[in-house]
Structure formats: C-alpha cells, structure tokens
Amino acid sequence: MSDIVTEVRLWYWSRISAMALSFFVLVHLAIIVYAVHGGLTGTQILGRTHGNLAFGVFYGLFVLACAVHVPYGLARILRESVMGERAAGLVSMLFALLLLVMGLRAVYGVVLA
C-alpha cells in the first residue's frame, strides 16, 4: 500500500510542478521576446538582472519547479527501459539535485555575482 501512496504523491507533485512550469516557461518566453525585440545586448540584460530580487525569486522558483518535475518522468523512463526501481529512483534523485544546484548557481551568478 505504501508504494501506491508514494506513487500517487509523486504523480501529484509532477502535475503541480507541470502547471507551475507552464507559467514559468510562458513568462520566460515573453521576457526573451521583449529582450530581443528591444535589441538588448547580453551586457544590458545582465545589467538589468543584477541585484533584481524579483528576477532572482522568479528564476529560483523556476529552477525548483524543474527539480521537482524532472525526476518523476526520468525515473519512469529509466524503470521502463534500463534500470530497476531502486536504481532509477537514485539516479533521478541525483539528477534532481544536480539540476537544483546548477540552476540555483546560475541564478546566483546572474542576479548576485
């Protein structure tokens, strides 16, 4: 019974994070269109993002949503193709940690460094 409850919770978090990601991706694309349409250079973009708390929070939450969403799908793919249950869970959790660390480090570098 515990495995079923765990699987349902993982599915639930996958769906919630997918909804959040749809919002983040749309806003991110709008930002890209705005920057490109405005002819902003990379230096100008970094100048606008440096020290911008709203930008940091937005992209930090974007990274968190990715780190929550990706492992569920990756674990399912690995279980169905090449790995057992435990190995797939471990690999997907390590990948989620890697995404989280790299993503938050990138946000830190763009906003605070």
Protein backbone atom coordinates (compact mmCIF):
# COMPACT_ATOMS: atom_id res chain seq x y z
CA MET A 1 0.00 0.00 0.00
CA SER A 2 2.84 2.37 0.81
CA ASP A 3 4.24 2.09 -2.73
CA ILE A 4 0.89 3.11 -4.18
CA VAL A 5 0.62 6.12 -1.87
CA THR A 6 4.16 7.17 -2.74
CA GLU A 7 3.49 6.82 -6.46
CA VAL A 8 0.30 8.90 -6.17
CA ARG A 9 2.16 11.62 -4.27
CA LEU A 10 4.92 11.68 -6.87
CA TRP A 11 2.34 11.87 -9.65
CA TYR A 12 0.59 14.71 -7.82
CA TRP A 13 3.81 16.72 -7.42
CA SER A 14 4.66 16.07 -11.05
CA ARG A 15 1.33 17.57 -12.14
CA ILE A 16 1.55 20.56 -9.80
CA SER A 17 5.10 21.30 -10.95
CA ALA A 18 3.98 20.96 -14.58
CA MET A 19 1.35 23.63 -14.02
CA ALA A 20 3.95 25.90 -12.43
CA LEU A 21 6.40 25.21 -15.25
CA SER A 22 3.84 26.17 -17.88
CA PHE A 23 3.56 29.59 -16.21
CA PHE A 24 7.33 29.98 -15.84
CA VAL A 25 8.02 28.98 -19.45
CA LEU A 26 5.43 31.41 -20.81
CA VAL A 27 6.82 34.29 -18.76
CA HIS A 28 10.38 33.32 -19.69
CA LEU A 29 9.48 33.31 -23.40
CA ALA A 30 7.79 36.69 -23.03
CA ILE A 31 10.96 38.05 -21.43
CA ILE A 32 13.05 36.68 -24.29
CA VAL A 33 10.74 38.24 -26.90
CA TYR A 34 10.85 41.56 -25.04
CA ALA A 35 14.65 41.49 -24.83
CA VAL A 36 15.14 40.51 -28.48
CA HIS A 37 12.51 42.94 -29.75
CA GLY A 38 14.08 45.70 -27.68
CA GLY A 39 17.50 44.92 -29.12
CA LEU A 40 19.08 44.40 -25.72
CA THR A 41 22.62 43.08 -25.60
CA GLY A 42 23.82 40.45 -23.17
CA THR A 43 25.57 43.15 -21.15
CA GLN A 44 22.38 45.20 -20.94
CA ILE A 45 20.36 42.17 -19.87
CA LEU A 46 22.86 41.31 -17.14
CA GLY A 47 22.82 44.94 -16.04
CA ARG A 48 19.06 44.77 -15.59
CA THR A 49 19.10 41.43 -13.78
CA HIS A 50 21.99 42.19 -11.41
CA GLY A 51 20.58 42.82 -7.95
CA ASN A 52 16.98 42.34 -9.12
CA LEU A 53 15.30 40.39 -6.32
CA ALA A 54 12.12 39.72 -8.33
CA PHE A 55 14.18 38.20 -11.15
CA GLY A 56 16.07 36.03 -8.66
CA VAL A 57 12.90 34.80 -6.96
CA PHE A 58 11.17 34.10 -10.28
CA TYR A 59 14.04 32.09 -11.72
CA GLY A 60 14.78 30.42 -8.38
CA LEU A 61 11.19 29.12 -8.32
CA PHE A 62 11.55 28.11 -11.98
CA VAL A 63 14.60 26.02 -11.07
CA LEU A 64 12.79 24.50 -8.09
CA ALA A 65 9.81 23.53 -10.28
CA CYS A 66 12.20 21.85 -12.74
CA ALA A 67 13.95 19.98 -9.93
CA VAL A 68 10.59 18.70 -8.68
CA HIS A 69 9.16 17.84 -12.11
CA VAL A 70 12.01 16.15 -13.95
CA PRO A 71 12.87 13.26 -11.59
CA TYR A 72 9.42 11.67 -11.78
CA GLY A 73 9.50 11.37 -15.57
CA LEU A 74 13.16 10.40 -15.67
CA ALA A 75 12.63 7.64 -13.09
CA ARG A 76 9.69 6.24 -15.08
CA ILE A 77 11.74 6.23 -18.30
CA LEU A 78 14.69 4.54 -16.58
CA ARG A 79 12.46 1.93 -14.89
CA GLU A 80 10.76 1.04 -18.16
CA SER A 81 13.95 0.81 -20.18
CA VAL A 82 17.21 0.03 -18.43
CA MET A 83 17.07 0.03 -14.62
CA GLY A 84 15.33 -1.42 -11.65
CA GLU A 85 13.11 0.55 -9.28
CA ARG A 86 15.75 1.49 -6.72
CA ALA A 87 18.48 2.39 -9.20
CA ALA A 88 16.08 4.52 -11.28
CA GLY A 89 14.94 6.35 -8.14
CA LEU A 90 18.50 7.01 -7.06
CA VAL A 91 19.63 8.24 -10.47
CA SER A 92 16.60 10.51 -10.82
CA MET A 93 17.12 11.98 -7.34
CA LEU A 94 20.79 12.63 -8.04
CA PHE A 95 19.83 14.29 -11.32
CA ALA A 96 17.27 16.44 -9.49
CA LEU A 97 19.95 17.52 -7.03
CA LEU A 98 22.29 18.33 -9.92
CA LEU A 99 19.56 20.41 -11.60
CA LEU A 100 18.84 22.24 -8.38
CA VAL A 101 22.48 23.04 -7.61
CA MET A 102 23.37 24.08 -11.16
CA GLY A 103 20.17 26.08 -11.64
CA LEU A 104 20.42 27.97 -8.37
CA ARG A 105 24.09 28.61 -9.01
CA ALA A 106 23.18 30.12 -12.40
CA VAL A 107 20.50 32.32 -10.80
CA TYR A 108 23.00 33.42 -8.16
CA GLY A 109 25.57 34.21 -10.87
CA VAL A 110 23.16 36.31 -12.90
CA VAL A 111 21.49 38.12 -10.01
CA LEU A 112 24.08 38.48 -7.28
CA ALA A 113 27.58 37.85 -8.62
